[in-house]
Amino acid sequence: MIGLLLNYKEQKEIEYLLKREMEEILLDVEDERIDDYVKTVMKEKYELLLSLYKRLTPPEDYYRYPSILKKG
């Protein structure tokens, strides 16, 4: 495990970057021109970013970002 100390401004910047990347992935996953394999990789990346975002924010901030990987 790696620890990381951030000040408030750095935390907000990382939150912003994660949100922006997750929102872009959510839009791209809906694009029919993108291959299914690429979409699968994008979904895995989204889940990783979401887990990082959840560590930085309270539940009321990340509830709007659903898990998009299909289970099973």
PDB file of N, CA and C in Angstrom:
ATOM      1  N   MET A   1       0.846  -1.170   0.000  1.00  0.00           N
ATOM      2  CA  MET A   1       0.000   0.000   0.000  1.00  0.00           C
ATOM      3  C   MET A   1       0.894   1.237   0.000  1.00  0.00           C
ATOM      4  N   ILE A   2       0.462   2.248  -0.715  1.00  0.00           N
ATOM      5  CA  ILE A   2       1.195   3.501  -0.798  1.00  0.00           C
ATOM      6  C   ILE A   2       0.310   4.601  -0.216  1.00  0.00           C
ATOM      7  N   GLY A   3       0.893   5.427   0.643  1.00  0.00           N
ATOM      8  CA  GLY A   3       0.167   6.560   1.200  1.00  0.00           C
ATOM      9  C   GLY A   3       0.456   7.814   0.392  1.00  0.00           C
ATOM     10  N   LEU A   4      -0.454   8.750   0.457  1.00  0.00           N
ATOM     11  CA  LEU A   4      -0.304   9.989  -0.289  1.00  0.00           C
ATOM     12  C   LEU A   4      -0.905  11.130   0.521  1.00  0.00           C
ATOM     13  N   LEU A   5      -0.124  12.151   0.752  1.00  0.00           N
ATOM     14  CA  LEU A   5      -0.627  13.330   1.449  1.00  0.00           C
ATOM     15  C   LEU A   5      -0.911  14.418   0.431  1.00  0.00           C
ATOM     16  N   LEU A   6      -2.125  14.955   0.490  1.00  0.00           N
ATOM     17  CA  LEU A   6      -2.530  16.016  -0.425  1.00  0.00           C
ATOM     18  C   LEU A   6      -3.094  17.180   0.366  1.00  0.00           C
ATOM     19  N   ASN A   7      -2.842  18.380  -0.115  1.00  0.00           N
ATOM     20  CA  ASN A   7      -3.539  19.503   0.491  1.00  0.00           C
ATOM     21  C   ASN A   7      -4.910  19.629  -0.192  1.00  0.00           C
ATOM     22  N   TYR A   8      -5.738  20.514   0.294  1.00  0.00           N
ATOM     23  CA  TYR A   8      -7.113  20.634  -0.198  1.00  0.00           C
ATOM     24  C   TYR A   8      -7.157  20.948  -1.692  1.00  0.00           C
ATOM     25  N   LYS A   9      -6.309  21.860  -2.135  1.00  0.00           N
ATOM     26  CA  LYS A   9      -6.297  22.257  -3.545  1.00  0.00           C
ATOM     27  C   LYS A   9      -5.888  21.082  -4.437  1.00  0.00           C
ATOM     28  N   GLU A  10      -4.906  20.316  -4.020  1.00  0.00           N
ATOM     29  CA  GLU A  10      -4.474  19.152  -4.789  1.00  0.00           C
ATOM     30  C   GLU A  10      -5.567  18.087  -4.835  1.00  0.00           C
ATOM     31  N   GLN A  11      -6.248  17.892  -3.729  1.00  0.00           N
ATOM     32  CA  GLN A  11      -7.346  16.921  -3.684  1.00  0.00           C
ATOM     33  C   GLN A  11      -8.437  17.313  -4.669  1.00  0.00           C
ATOM     34  N   LYS A  12      -8.821  18.573  -4.676  1.00  0.00           N
ATOM     35  CA  LYS A  12      -9.873  19.033  -5.582  1.00  0.00           C
ATOM     36  C   LYS A  12      -9.447  18.910  -7.038  1.00  0.00           C
ATOM     37  N   GLU A  13      -8.180  19.138  -7.322  1.00  0.00           N
ATOM     38  CA  GLU A  13      -7.689  19.003  -8.694  1.00  0.00           C
ATOM     39  C   GLU A  13      -7.743  17.550  -9.147  1.00  0.00           C
ATOM     40  N   ILE A  14      -7.355  16.637  -8.290  1.00  0.00           N
ATOM     41  CA  ILE A  14      -7.420  15.210  -8.632  1.00  0.00           C
ATOM     42  C   ILE A  14      -8.870  14.779  -8.813  1.00  0.00           C
ATOM     43  N   GLU A  15      -9.757  15.240  -7.950  1.00  0.00           N
ATOM     44  CA  GLU A  15     -11.187  14.940  -8.107  1.00  0.00           C
ATOM     45  C   GLU A  15     -11.689  15.421  -9.466  1.00  0.00           C
ATOM     46  N   TYR A  16     -11.313  16.634  -9.827  1.00  0.00           N
ATOM     47  CA  TYR A  16     -11.736  17.196 -11.109  1.00  0.00           C
ATOM     48  C   TYR A  16     -11.231  16.350 -12.279  1.00  0.00           C
ATOM     49  N   LEU A  17      -9.967  15.970 -12.242  1.00  0.00           N
ATOM     50  CA  LEU A  17      -9.391  15.169 -13.316  1.00  0.00           C
ATOM     51  C   LEU A  17     -10.063  13.808 -13.428  1.00  0.00           C
ATOM     52  N   LEU A  18     -10.323  13.173 -12.289  1.00  0.00           N
ATOM     53  CA  LEU A  18     -10.993  11.872 -12.300  1.00  0.00           C
ATOM     54  C   LEU A  18     -12.406  11.991 -12.858  1.00  0.00           C
ATOM     55  N   LYS A  19     -13.157  13.002 -12.415  1.00  0.00           N
ATOM     56  CA  LYS A  19     -14.524  13.197 -12.908  1.00  0.00           C
ATOM     57  C   LYS A  19     -14.535  13.445 -14.403  1.00  0.00           C
ATOM     58  N   ARG A  20     -13.633  14.277 -14.868  1.00  0.00           N
ATOM     59  CA  ARG A  20     -13.582  14.599 -16.295  1.00  0.00           C
ATOM     60  C   ARG A  20     -13.281  13.353 -17.123  1.00  0.00           C
ATOM     61  N   GLU A  21     -12.335  12.546 -16.677  1.00  0.00           N
ATOM     62  CA  GLU A  21     -11.990  11.328 -17.402  1.00  0.00           C
ATOM     63  C   GLU A  21     -13.133  10.315 -17.368  1.00  0.00           C
ATOM     64  N   MET A  22     -13.776  10.166 -16.211  1.00  0.00           N
ATOM     65  CA  MET A  22     -14.900   9.218 -16.119  1.00  0.00           C
ATOM     66  C   MET A  22     -16.060   9.652 -17.007  1.00  0.00           C
ATOM     67  N   GLU A  23     -16.365  10.939 -17.034  1.00  0.00           N
ATOM     68  CA  GLU A  23     -17.455  11.417 -17.873  1.00  0.00           C
ATOM     69  C   GLU A  23     -17.149  11.225 -19.351  1.00  0.00           C
ATOM     70  N   GLU A  24     -15.896  11.410 -19.734  1.00  0.00           N
ATOM     71  CA  GLU A  24     -15.515  11.184 -21.122  1.00  0.00           C
ATOM     72  C   GLU A  24     -15.653   9.707 -21.491  1.00  0.00           C
ATOM     73  N   ILE A  25     -15.266   8.833 -20.595  1.00  0.00           N
ATOM     74  CA  ILE A  25     -15.408   7.396 -20.851  1.00  0.00           C
ATOM     75  C   ILE A  25     -16.880   7.025 -20.975  1.00  0.00           C
ATOM     76  N   LEU A  26     -17.728   7.568 -20.096  1.00  0.00           N
ATOM     77  CA  LEU A  26     -19.158   7.270 -20.172  1.00  0.00           C
ATOM     78  C   LEU A  26     -19.738   7.686 -21.526  1.00  0.00           C
ATOM     79  N   LEU A  27     -19.282   8.808 -22.053  1.00  0.00           N
ATOM     80  CA  LEU A  27     -19.746   9.242 -23.378  1.00  0.00           C
ATOM     81  C   LEU A  27     -19.215   8.334 -24.474  1.00  0.00           C
ATOM     82  N   ASP A  28     -17.949   7.967 -24.401  1.00  0.00           N
ATOM     83  CA  ASP A  28     -17.333   7.142 -25.438  1.00  0.00           C
ATOM     84  C   ASP A  28     -17.905   5.726 -25.465  1.00  0.00           C
ATOM     85  N   VAL A  29     -18.305   5.199 -24.320  1.00  0.00           N
ATOM     86  CA  VAL A  29     -18.862   3.846 -24.276  1.00  0.00           C
ATOM     87  C   VAL A  29     -20.165   3.775 -25.073  1.00  0.00           C
ATOM     88  N   GLU A  30     -20.866   4.884 -25.178  1.00  0.00           N
ATOM     89  CA  GLU A  30     -22.120   4.922 -25.936  1.00  0.00           C
ATOM     90  C   GLU A  30     -21.898   5.072 -27.437  1.00  0.00           C
ATOM     91  N   ASP A  31     -20.682   5.391 -27.862  1.00  0.00           N
ATOM     92  CA  ASP A  31     -20.377   5.601 -29.273  1.00  0.00           C
ATOM     93  C   ASP A  31     -20.360   4.260 -30.002  1.00  0.00           C
ATOM     94  N   GLU A  32     -21.219   4.116 -31.000  1.00  0.00           N
ATOM     95  CA  GLU A  32     -21.344   2.861 -31.735  1.00  0.00           C
ATOM     96  C   GLU A  32     -20.155   2.591 -32.645  1.00  0.00           C
ATOM     97  N   ARG A  33     -19.372   3.615 -32.952  1.00  0.00           N
ATOM     98  CA  ARG A  33     -18.230   3.447 -33.853  1.00  0.00           C
ATOM     99  C   ARG A  33     -17.038   2.780 -33.172  1.00  0.00           C
ATOM    100  N   ILE A  34     -17.053   2.723 -31.848  1.00  0.00           N
ATOM    101  CA  ILE A  34     -15.937   2.155 -31.100  1.00  0.00           C
ATOM    102  C   ILE A  34     -16.131   0.647 -30.955  1.00  0.00           C
ATOM    103  N   ASP A  35     -15.067  -0.105 -31.212  1.00  0.00           N
ATOM    104  CA  ASP A  35     -15.074  -1.563 -31.147  1.00  0.00           C
ATOM    105  C   ASP A  35     -15.413  -2.051 -29.737  1.00  0.00           C
ATOM    106  N   ASP A  36     -16.067  -3.200 -29.653  1.00  0.00           N
ATOM    107  CA  ASP A  36     -16.476  -3.764 -28.366  1.00  0.00           C
ATOM    108  C   ASP A  36     -15.285  -4.071 -27.454  1.00  0.00           C
ATOM    109  N   TYR A  37     -14.179  -4.549 -28.043  1.00  0.00           N
ATOM    110  CA  TYR A  37     -12.994  -4.834 -27.226  1.00  0.00           C
ATOM    111  C   TYR A  37     -12.463  -3.550 -26.584  1.00  0.00           C
ATOM    112  N   VAL A  38     -12.427  -2.491 -27.353  1.00  0.00           N
ATOM    113  CA  VAL A  38     -11.960  -1.197 -26.831  1.00  0.00           C
ATOM    114  C   VAL A  38     -12.902  -0.708 -25.735  1.00  0.00           C
ATOM    115  N   LYS A  39     -14.192  -0.904 -25.919  1.00  0.00           N
ATOM    116  CA  LYS A  39     -15.166  -0.510 -24.905  1.00  0.00           C
ATOM    117  C   LYS A  39     -14.956  -1.277 -23.607  1.00  0.00           C
ATOM    118  N   THR A  40     -14.616  -2.555 -23.720  1.00  0.00           N
ATOM    119  CA  THR A  40     -14.350  -3.361 -22.526  1.00  0.00           C
ATOM    120  C   THR A  40     -13.169  -2.806 -21.750  1.00  0.00           C
ATOM    121  N   VAL A  41     -12.118  -2.449 -22.453  1.00  0.00           N
ATOM    122  CA  VAL A  41     -10.942  -1.862 -21.805  1.00  0.00           C
ATOM    123  C   VAL A  41     -11.290  -0.515 -21.178  1.00  0.00           C
ATOM    124  N   MET A  42     -12.106   0.262 -21.881  1.00  0.00           N
ATOM    125  CA  MET A  42     -12.523   1.564 -21.348  1.00  0.00           C
ATOM    126  C   MET A  42     -13.345   1.386 -20.075  1.00  0.00           C
ATOM    127  N   LYS A  43     -14.201   0.378 -20.038  1.00  0.00           N
ATOM    128  CA  LYS A  43     -15.015   0.116 -18.852  1.00  0.00           C
ATOM    129  C   LYS A  43     -14.147  -0.280 -17.670  1.00  0.00           C
ATOM    130  N   GLU A  44     -13.112  -1.082 -17.935  1.00  0.00           N
ATOM    131  CA  GLU A  44     -12.198  -1.465 -16.864  1.00  0.00           C
ATOM    132  C   GLU A  44     -11.445  -0.251 -16.325  1.00  0.00           C
ATOM    133  N   LYS A  45     -11.045   0.629 -17.223  1.00  0.00           N
ATOM    134  CA  LYS A  45     -10.371   1.864 -16.805  1.00  0.00           C
ATOM    135  C   LYS A  45     -11.320   2.731 -15.980  1.00  0.00           C
ATOM    136  N   TYR A  46     -12.567   2.815 -16.418  1.00  0.00           N
ATOM    137  CA  TYR A  46     -13.571   3.584 -15.687  1.00  0.00           C
ATOM    138  C   TYR A  46     -13.726   3.066 -14.260  1.00  0.00           C
ATOM    139  N   GLU A  47     -13.801   1.742 -14.117  1.00  0.00           N
ATOM    140  CA  GLU A  47     -13.961   1.145 -12.784  1.00  0.00           C
ATOM    141  C   GLU A  47     -12.766   1.465 -11.892  1.00  0.00           C
ATOM    142  N   LEU A  48     -11.573   1.458 -12.448  1.00  0.00           N
ATOM    143  CA  LEU A  48     -10.379   1.812 -11.686  1.00  0.00           C
ATOM    144  C   LEU A  48     -10.433   3.275 -11.245  1.00  0.00           C
ATOM    145  N   LEU A  49     -10.798   4.159 -12.173  1.00  0.00           N
ATOM    146  CA  LEU A  49     -10.913   5.579 -11.836  1.00  0.00           C
ATOM    147  C   LEU A  49     -12.001   5.805 -10.790  1.00  0.00           C
ATOM    148  N   LEU A  50     -13.110   5.079 -10.913  1.00  0.00           N
ATOM    149  CA  LEU A  50     -14.199   5.213  -9.955  1.00  0.00           C
ATOM    150  C   LEU A  50     -13.743   4.803  -8.557  1.00  0.00           C
ATOM    151  N   SER A  51     -12.966   3.725  -8.471  1.00  0.00           N
ATOM    152  CA  SER A  51     -12.491   3.301  -7.150  1.00  0.00           C
ATOM    153  C   SER A  51     -11.567   4.346  -6.534  1.00  0.00           C
ATOM    154  N   LEU A  52     -10.747   4.996  -7.360  1.00  0.00           N
ATOM    155  CA  LEU A  52      -9.898   6.084  -6.853  1.00  0.00           C
ATOM    156  C   LEU A  52     -10.751   7.275  -6.405  1.00  0.00           C
ATOM    157  N   TYR A  53     -11.761   7.590  -7.220  1.00  0.00           N
ATOM    158  CA  TYR A  53     -12.641   8.721  -6.902  1.00  0.00           C
ATOM    159  C   TYR A  53     -13.379   8.485  -5.587  1.00  0.00           C
ATOM    160  N   LYS A  54     -13.802   7.248  -5.361  1.00  0.00           N
ATOM    161  CA  LYS A  54     -14.523   6.924  -4.129  1.00  0.00           C
ATOM    162  C   LYS A  54     -13.647   7.112  -2.894  1.00  0.00           C
ATOM    163  N   ARG A  55     -12.348   6.947  -3.053  1.00  0.00           N
ATOM    164  CA  ARG A  55     -11.438   7.127  -1.914  1.00  0.00           C
ATOM    165  C   ARG A  55     -11.243   8.593  -1.542  1.00  0.00           C
ATOM    166  N   LEU A  56     -11.528   9.480  -2.486  1.00  0.00           N
ATOM    167  CA  LEU A  56     -11.299  10.908  -2.252  1.00  0.00           C
ATOM    168  C   LEU A  56     -12.549  11.681  -1.867  1.00  0.00           C
ATOM    169  N   THR A  57     -13.716  11.105  -2.122  1.00  0.00           N
ATOM    170  CA  THR A  57     -14.951  11.867  -1.955  1.00  0.00           C
ATOM    171  C   THR A  57     -15.947  11.143  -1.056  1.00  0.00           C
ATOM    172  N   PRO A  58     -16.852  11.903  -0.456  1.00  0.00           N
ATOM    173  CA  PRO A  58     -17.932  11.285   0.324  1.00  0.00           C
ATOM    174  C   PRO A  58     -18.971  10.652  -0.611  1.00  0.00           C
ATOM    175  N   PRO A  59     -19.777   9.719  -0.086  1.00  0.00           N
ATOM    176  CA  PRO A  59     -20.761   9.013  -0.930  1.00  0.00           C
ATOM    177  C   PRO A  59     -21.692   9.923  -1.722  1.00  0.00           C
ATOM    178  N   GLU A  60     -22.100  11.032  -1.173  1.00  0.00           N
ATOM    179  CA  GLU A  60     -23.028  11.897  -1.908  1.00  0.00           C
ATOM    180  C   GLU A  60     -22.395  12.502  -3.160  1.00  0.00           C
ATOM    181  N   ASP A  61     -21.071  12.482  -3.261  1.00  0.00           N
ATOM    182  CA  ASP A  61     -20.399  12.987  -4.456  1.00  0.00           C
ATOM    183  C   ASP A  61     -20.215  11.918  -5.527  1.00  0.00           C
ATOM    184  N   TYR A  62     -20.060  10.669  -5.149  1.00  0.00           N
ATOM    185  CA  TYR A  62     -19.803   9.649  -6.169  1.00  0.00           C
ATOM    186  C   TYR A  62     -21.010   8.776  -6.494  1.00  0.00           C
ATOM    187  N   TYR A  63     -22.148   8.996  -5.855  1.00  0.00           N
ATOM    188  CA  TYR A  63     -23.318   8.153  -6.131  1.00  0.00           C
ATOM    189  C   TYR A  63     -23.800   8.283  -7.571  1.00  0.00           C
ATOM    190  N   ARG A  64     -23.533   9.401  -8.232  1.00  0.00           N
ATOM    191  CA  ARG A  64     -24.014   9.613  -9.595  1.00  0.00           C
ATOM    192  C   ARG A  64     -23.186   8.880 -10.653  1.00  0.00           C
ATOM    193  N   TYR A  65     -22.062   8.305 -10.227  1.00  0.00           N
ATOM    194  CA  TYR A  65     -21.216   7.559 -11.155  1.00  0.00           C
ATOM    195  C   TYR A  65     -21.424   6.061 -10.911  1.00  0.00           C
ATOM    196  N   PRO A  66     -22.225   5.426 -11.746  1.00  0.00           N
ATOM    197  CA  PRO A  66     -22.546   4.010 -11.520  1.00  0.00           C
ATOM    198  C   PRO A  66     -21.410   3.100 -11.973  1.00  0.00           C
ATOM    199  N   SER A  67     -21.419   1.890 -11.466  1.00  0.00           N
ATOM    200  CA  SER A  67     -20.532   0.871 -11.979  1.00  0.00           C
ATOM    201  C   SER A  67     -21.070   0.455 -13.337  1.00  0.00           C
ATOM    202  N   ILE A  68     -20.219   0.378 -14.343  1.00  0.00           N
ATOM    203  CA  ILE A  68     -20.710   0.069 -15.700  1.00  0.00           C
ATOM    204  C   ILE A  68     -20.269  -1.299 -16.197  1.00  0.00           C
ATOM    205  N   LEU A  69     -19.472  -2.010 -15.423  1.00  0.00           N
ATOM    206  CA  LEU A  69     -19.090  -3.363 -15.828  1.00  0.00           C
ATOM    207  C   LEU A  69     -20.244  -4.310 -15.546  1.00  0.00           C
ATOM    208  N   LYS A  70     -20.552  -5.159 -16.502  1.00  0.00           N
ATOM    209  CA  LYS A  70     -21.608  -6.156 -16.298  1.00  0.00           C
ATOM    210  C   LYS A  70     -21.035  -7.306 -15.505  1.00  0.00           C
ATOM    211  N   LYS A  71     -21.701  -7.641 -14.441  1.00  0.00           N
ATOM    212  CA  LYS A  71     -21.276  -8.765 -13.600  1.00  0.00           C
ATOM    213  C   LYS A  71     -21.841 -10.056 -14.173  1.00  0.00           C
ATOM    214  N   GLY A  72     -20.996 -11.096 -14.200  1.00  0.00           N
ATOM    215  CA  GLY A  72     -21.477 -12.400 -14.623  1.00  0.00           C
ATOM    216  C   GLY A  72     -21.292 -12.722 -16.052  1.00  0.00           C
TER     217      GLY A  72
END
